[in-house]
Amino acid sequence: MKDLQDARAAFLRAHPCVSDSALEELIEEVVKASNRGVSAAQNVSGEPNWSFGQSLFFSSTVVTTIGYGHVTPLSKGGKVFCMIYAMFGIPLTLVLLSALVERLMIPSTVFLQFLNSRLGHLYQPFNIRVLHLAIIAGTLVATFILLPAALFAALEPEWDYLDSLYYCFISLTTVGLGDYIPGDYPNQPYRPIYKVATTGYLLVGLTFMMLTLTIFYEIPELNLGSLFLMRSDEMTADPEKMRLQTPGVSVGTKYTTEDRFRESKDNTPSPEDTTPVHARP
């Protein structure tokens, strides 16, 4: 804040013909233009942020719930459309990502079976599943965090590797703080293509993130949700719950008089069974 105040005071000293009120009005217009996706740098000669690539990138951050917040709709029509788009787009995106995860679970399961065939005689199944999870998680970190971070550090003039690593982690965890946005540097070459490629990276990265979480959840020993279950949920002491889970089976209080009559009738010996052997024809 102090640096900004010093820069403002230095500008006014260097340009005495510019009044403080005029500078304030100019700053307000620049901020409004930036909120509308228009960069005021380079004499407003740069490409506007609402190009096709930028719009696609914004749409992807809405439906994936990342929501950087660097560009937002300001008009009433834009706000209404954004709400409707998010209302339908977020569930459909989750369905799409879930379907992709189900497809990816097939080769993942084949790989787990391969590990079992190779290591099953040496290690417990739990250890093999943890090894499988570690390999998948390591592939995720290397392919979708470490390697893209190096690419972003090379493409973004003001980012170092730590900034890029921070951006990848914040994005794939859908935190989306919005303090680092790829492709927003003034005069960024091939900005639309850059934005489209970043959109693809986010979608694929989120899919593999969900795959890793699914594999983690399928290991019973690592499923932390079981710690929050009540004892009544772990025991099968609820007859009504058991009856609903197994249709057609009578349990507990659902064992009625009709059931007893049917059972006693089935257990009643026939006249042939009660007749002595020597008296049978």
Protein backbone atom coordinates (compact mmCIF):
# COMPACT_ATOMS: atom_id res chain seq x y z
CA MET A 1 0.00 0.00 0.00
CA LYS A 2 2.82 2.38 0.88
CA ASP A 3 4.58 1.65 -2.43
CA LEU A 4 1.40 2.56 -4.31
CA GLN A 5 1.04 5.80 -2.38
CA ASP A 6 4.69 6.68 -3.05
CA ALA A 7 4.28 5.97 -6.77
CA ARG A 8 1.18 8.17 -6.90
CA ALA A 9 2.95 11.03 -5.12
CA ALA A 10 6.00 10.70 -7.38
CA PHE A 11 3.79 10.85 -10.47
CA LEU A 12 2.08 14.01 -9.28
CA ARG A 13 5.46 15.64 -8.54
CA ALA A 14 6.79 14.69 -11.98
CA HIS A 15 3.62 15.94 -13.71
CA PRO A 16 2.42 19.06 -11.90
CA CYS A 17 -0.03 19.82 -14.68
CA VAL A 18 -2.10 16.75 -13.65
CA SER A 19 -4.37 17.39 -10.69
CA ASP A 20 -5.01 14.85 -7.98
CA SER A 21 -8.71 14.62 -8.87
CA ALA A 22 -7.96 14.02 -12.56
CA LEU A 23 -5.54 11.24 -11.67
CA GLU A 24 -8.13 9.69 -9.37
CA GLU A 25 -10.73 9.69 -12.16
CA LEU A 26 -8.25 8.06 -14.54
CA ILE A 27 -7.42 5.35 -12.01
CA GLU A 28 -11.12 4.63 -11.47
CA GLU A 29 -11.66 4.23 -15.22
CA VAL A 30 -8.66 1.91 -15.48
CA VAL A 31 -10.00 -0.23 -12.63
CA LYS A 32 -13.47 -0.40 -14.22
CA ALA A 33 -11.96 -1.37 -17.56
CA SER A 34 -9.88 -4.07 -15.89
CA ASN A 35 -12.98 -5.49 -14.20
CA ARG A 36 -14.64 -5.66 -17.59
CA GLY A 37 -11.73 -7.65 -18.98
CA VAL A 38 -10.03 -4.80 -20.86
CA SER A 39 -6.35 -4.20 -20.17
CA ALA A 40 -5.32 -0.53 -20.06
CA ALA A 41 -1.62 -1.29 -20.54
CA GLN A 42 0.29 -0.43 -23.71
CA ASN A 43 -2.10 2.44 -24.56
CA VAL A 44 -5.02 0.02 -24.67
CA SER A 45 -3.48 -1.60 -27.74
CA GLY A 46 -3.40 -5.11 -26.31
CA GLU A 47 -5.96 -7.80 -26.99
CA PRO A 48 -9.09 -7.57 -24.81
CA ASN A 49 -9.54 -10.24 -22.17
CA TRP A 50 -12.97 -11.26 -23.50
CA SER A 51 -11.62 -12.95 -26.63
CA PHE A 52 -12.74 -16.49 -27.45
CA GLY A 53 -9.80 -18.04 -25.65
CA GLN A 54 -10.34 -15.86 -22.59
CA SER A 55 -14.07 -16.56 -22.56
CA LEU A 56 -13.47 -20.31 -22.83
CA PHE A 57 -11.02 -20.10 -19.96
CA PHE A 58 -13.53 -18.17 -17.87
CA SER A 59 -16.26 -20.70 -18.65
CA SER A 60 -14.05 -23.58 -17.58
CA THR A 61 -13.28 -21.91 -14.24
CA VAL A 62 -17.02 -21.55 -13.61
CA VAL A 63 -18.08 -25.13 -14.36
CA THR A 64 -15.08 -26.62 -12.54
CA THR A 65 -15.79 -24.40 -9.48
CA ILE A 66 -12.23 -23.04 -9.56
CA GLY A 67 -13.51 -19.47 -9.94
CA TYR A 68 -10.37 -17.34 -10.08
CA GLY A 69 -12.44 -14.15 -9.98
CA HIS A 70 -10.00 -12.17 -12.11
CA VAL A 71 -12.74 -11.47 -14.68
CA THR A 72 -16.39 -11.25 -13.71
CA PRO A 73 -19.60 -10.31 -15.52
CA LEU A 74 -20.76 -6.82 -14.58
CA SER A 75 -23.90 -6.38 -16.64
CA LYS A 76 -27.22 -7.68 -15.33
CA GLY A 77 -27.68 -9.94 -18.33
CA GLY A 78 -24.19 -11.34 -17.89
CA LYS A 79 -24.78 -12.07 -14.21
CA VAL A 80 -28.09 -13.83 -14.89
CA PHE A 81 -26.56 -15.89 -17.68
CA CYS A 82 -23.58 -16.79 -15.48
CA MET A 83 -25.90 -18.09 -12.73
CA ILE A 84 -27.95 -20.17 -15.16
CA TYR A 85 -24.81 -21.44 -16.86
CA ALA A 86 -23.28 -22.47 -13.52
CA MET A 87 -26.54 -24.06 -12.36
CA PHE A 88 -26.54 -26.48 -15.29
CA GLY A 89 -22.86 -26.54 -16.18
CA ILE A 90 -21.44 -27.56 -12.79
CA PRO A 91 -23.56 -30.74 -12.38
CA LEU A 92 -23.00 -31.77 -16.00
CA THR A 93 -19.26 -31.21 -15.64
CA LEU A 94 -19.21 -33.36 -12.50
CA VAL A 95 -21.09 -36.09 -14.37
CA LEU A 96 -18.59 -35.89 -17.23
CA LEU A 97 -15.58 -36.04 -14.91
CA SER A 98 -17.13 -38.94 -12.99
CA ALA A 99 -17.68 -40.85 -16.23
CA LEU A 100 -14.08 -40.26 -17.24
CA VAL A 101 -12.89 -41.49 -13.84
CA GLU A 102 -14.97 -44.65 -14.26
CA ARG A 103 -13.25 -45.27 -17.59
CA LEU A 104 -9.82 -44.63 -16.12
CA MET A 105 -10.53 -47.05 -13.27
CA ILE A 106 -10.43 -49.91 -15.79
CA PRO A 107 -6.70 -49.60 -16.66
CA SER A 108 -6.01 -48.66 -13.04
CA THR A 109 -7.61 -51.91 -11.87
CA VAL A 110 -5.65 -53.88 -14.48
CA PHE A 111 -2.46 -52.32 -13.16
CA LEU A 112 -3.46 -53.24 -9.58
CA GLN A 113 -4.05 -56.84 -10.67
CA PHE A 114 -0.60 -56.84 -12.29
CA LEU A 115 0.96 -55.70 -9.01
CA ASN A 116 -0.94 -58.42 -7.15
CA SER A 117 0.29 -61.09 -9.55
CA ARG A 118 3.88 -59.93 -9.15
CA LEU A 119 3.98 -59.04 -5.46
CA GLY A 120 1.08 -60.97 -3.96
CA HIS A 121 3.34 -63.72 -2.62
CA LEU A 122 5.60 -61.20 -0.89
CA TYR A 123 3.32 -58.49 0.56
CA GLN A 124 -0.12 -58.14 2.08
CA PRO A 125 -2.97 -56.87 -0.14
CA PHE A 126 -3.10 -53.63 1.85
CA ASN A 127 0.58 -52.90 1.15
CA ILE A 128 0.09 -53.57 -2.55
CA ARG A 129 -2.90 -51.21 -2.69
CA VAL A 130 -0.92 -48.51 -0.92
CA LEU A 131 1.90 -49.00 -3.43
CA HIS A 132 -0.64 -48.72 -6.25
CA LEU A 133 -2.00 -45.49 -4.74
CA ALA A 134 1.52 -44.09 -4.33
CA ILE A 135 2.33 -44.78 -8.00
CA ILE A 136 -0.88 -43.11 -9.20
CA ALA A 137 -0.37 -40.12 -6.89
CA GLY A 138 3.26 -39.80 -7.96
CA THR A 139 2.22 -39.85 -11.61
CA LEU A 140 -0.35 -37.13 -10.88
CA VAL A 141 2.18 -34.90 -9.11
CA ALA A 142 4.87 -35.35 -11.76
CA THR A 143 2.61 -35.06 -14.81
CA PHE A 144 0.13 -32.40 -13.70
CA ILE A 145 2.02 -30.32 -11.13
CA LEU A 146 5.81 -30.50 -11.49
CA LEU A 147 6.04 -30.61 -15.29
CA PRO A 148 3.32 -27.97 -15.98
CA ALA A 149 4.93 -25.74 -13.35
CA ALA A 150 8.16 -25.80 -15.35
CA LEU A 151 6.25 -24.90 -18.53
CA PHE A 152 4.40 -22.03 -16.86
CA ALA A 153 7.66 -20.72 -15.40
CA ALA A 154 9.15 -20.66 -18.91
CA LEU A 155 6.09 -19.05 -20.55
CA GLU A 156 5.18 -16.46 -17.91
CA PRO A 157 7.72 -13.59 -17.75
CA GLU A 158 7.00 -12.68 -14.12
CA TRP A 159 6.65 -16.18 -12.66
CA ASP A 160 9.39 -18.26 -11.11
CA TYR A 161 9.11 -22.01 -10.54
CA LEU A 162 7.62 -21.62 -7.07
CA ASP A 163 4.90 -19.29 -8.38
CA SER A 164 4.06 -21.78 -11.12
CA LEU A 165 4.04 -24.69 -8.68
CA TYR A 166 1.76 -22.69 -6.41
CA TYR A 167 -0.62 -21.93 -9.31
CA CYS A 168 -0.86 -25.59 -10.37
CA PHE A 169 -1.60 -26.78 -6.85
CA ILE A 170 -4.16 -24.05 -6.13
CA SER A 171 -5.92 -24.72 -9.45
CA LEU A 172 -6.09 -28.53 -9.29
CA THR A 173 -7.39 -28.40 -5.73
CA THR A 174 -10.12 -25.98 -7.01
CA VAL A 175 -9.12 -23.35 -4.44
CA GLY A 176 -8.65 -20.77 -7.20
CA LEU A 177 -7.37 -17.74 -5.32
CA GLY A 178 -6.89 -15.81 -8.56
CA ASP A 179 -3.60 -14.12 -7.64
CA TYR A 180 -1.81 -15.89 -10.51
CA ILE A 181 -3.54 -16.22 -13.88
CA PRO A 182 -1.70 -17.60 -16.94
CA GLY A 183 -1.84 -15.56 -20.12
CA ASP A 184 -2.71 -12.19 -18.57
CA TYR A 185 0.68 -10.59 -19.15
CA PRO A 186 0.41 -7.64 -21.58
CA ASN A 187 1.17 -8.55 -25.20
CA GLN A 188 1.16 -12.26 -24.38
CA PRO A 189 1.89 -14.06 -27.69
CA TYR A 190 -0.74 -16.52 -28.91
CA ARG A 191 -2.97 -15.66 -25.97
CA PRO A 192 -6.16 -17.41 -27.26
CA ILE A 193 -4.28 -20.65 -27.94
CA TYR A 194 -2.54 -20.34 -24.59
CA LYS A 195 -5.87 -19.96 -22.80
CA VAL A 196 -7.42 -22.93 -24.62
CA ALA A 197 -4.41 -25.11 -23.76
CA THR A 198 -4.64 -24.06 -20.11
CA THR A 199 -8.34 -24.95 -20.11
CA GLY A 200 -7.52 -28.44 -21.38
CA TYR A 201 -4.83 -28.81 -18.74
CA LEU A 202 -7.28 -27.93 -15.97
CA LEU A 203 -9.93 -30.39 -17.15
CA VAL A 204 -7.51 -33.29 -17.57
CA GLY A 205 -5.72 -32.47 -14.32
CA LEU A 206 -8.98 -32.38 -12.36
CA THR A 207 -9.95 -35.75 -13.84
CA PHE A 208 -6.74 -37.37 -12.65
CA MET A 209 -7.11 -35.67 -9.28
CA MET A 210 -10.55 -37.27 -8.92
CA LEU A 211 -9.09 -40.61 -10.03
CA THR A 212 -6.46 -40.44 -7.29
CA LEU A 213 -9.06 -39.58 -4.66
CA THR A 214 -11.27 -42.45 -5.85
CA ILE A 215 -8.41 -44.95 -5.52
CA PHE A 216 -7.65 -43.57 -2.06
CA TYR A 217 -11.29 -43.89 -1.01
CA GLU A 218 -11.48 -47.53 -2.16
CA ILE A 219 -8.82 -48.61 0.37
CA PRO A 220 -10.91 -49.46 3.47
CA GLU A 221 -8.03 -48.97 5.90
CA LEU A 222 -7.50 -45.41 4.64
CA ASN A 223 -11.18 -44.47 4.46
CA LEU A 224 -11.40 -41.86 7.20
CA GLY A 225 -15.17 -41.67 6.78
CA SER A 226 -15.53 -44.87 8.82
CA LEU A 227 -14.26 -42.98 11.88
CA PHE A 228 -17.39 -40.83 11.86
CA LEU A 229 -19.85 -43.72 11.67
CA MET A 230 -21.99 -44.42 14.71
CA ARG A 231 -21.87 -47.84 16.27
CA SER A 232 -25.50 -48.36 15.30
CA ASP A 233 -24.47 -47.92 11.67
CA GLU A 234 -21.75 -50.53 11.98
CA MET A 235 -24.01 -53.11 13.66
CA THR A 236 -26.87 -54.83 11.87
CA ALA A 237 -29.23 -54.39 14.79
CA ASP A 238 -31.86 -52.41 12.94
CA PRO A 239 -34.39 -54.94 11.58
CA GLU A 240 -36.16 -52.34 9.47
CA LYS A 241 -32.87 -51.29 7.87
CA MET A 242 -32.01 -54.93 7.14
CA ARG A 243 -35.48 -55.52 5.72
CA LEU A 244 -35.15 -52.54 3.39
CA GLN A 245 -31.68 -53.62 2.28
CA THR A 246 -32.82 -57.21 1.57
CA PRO A 247 -36.28 -57.14 0.00
CA GLY A 248 -38.42 -60.20 0.62
CA VAL A 249 -36.62 -61.19 3.84
CA SER A 250 -38.53 -60.95 7.12
CA VAL A 251 -36.40 -59.87 10.09
CA GLY A 252 -37.13 -59.12 13.74
CA THR A 253 -40.54 -57.56 14.31
CA LYS A 254 -41.54 -58.35 10.73
CA TYR A 255 -41.75 -62.04 11.73
CA THR A 256 -45.55 -62.15 11.90
CA THR A 257 -48.11 -64.74 13.01
CA GLU A 258 -48.62 -65.75 9.41
CA ASP A 259 -44.92 -66.62 9.15
CA ARG A 260 -45.13 -68.72 12.32
CA PHE A 261 -48.19 -70.57 11.00
CA ARG A 262 -46.44 -71.25 7.70
CA GLU A 263 -43.33 -72.50 9.50
CA SER A 264 -45.32 -74.74 11.86
CA LYS A 265 -47.26 -76.13 8.93
CA ASP A 266 -44.08 -76.94 7.08
CA ASN A 267 -42.59 -78.64 10.13
CA THR A 268 -45.72 -80.74 10.91
CA PRO A 269 -45.04 -84.38 10.00
CA SER A 270 -47.31 -86.01 7.44
CA PRO A 271 -49.48 -89.02 8.30
CA GLU A 272 -47.11 -91.23 6.34
CA ASP A 273 -44.18 -90.10 8.49
CA THR A 274 -46.03 -90.92 11.75
CA THR A 275 -47.18 -94.38 10.58
CA PRO A 276 -44.97 -97.24 11.80
CA VAL A 277 -42.92 -98.93 9.15
CA HIS A 278 -44.46 -102.39 9.65
CA ALA A 279 -47.96 -100.90 9.28
CA ARG A 280 -47.31 -99.19 5.98
CA PRO A 281 -48.81 -100.90 2.92
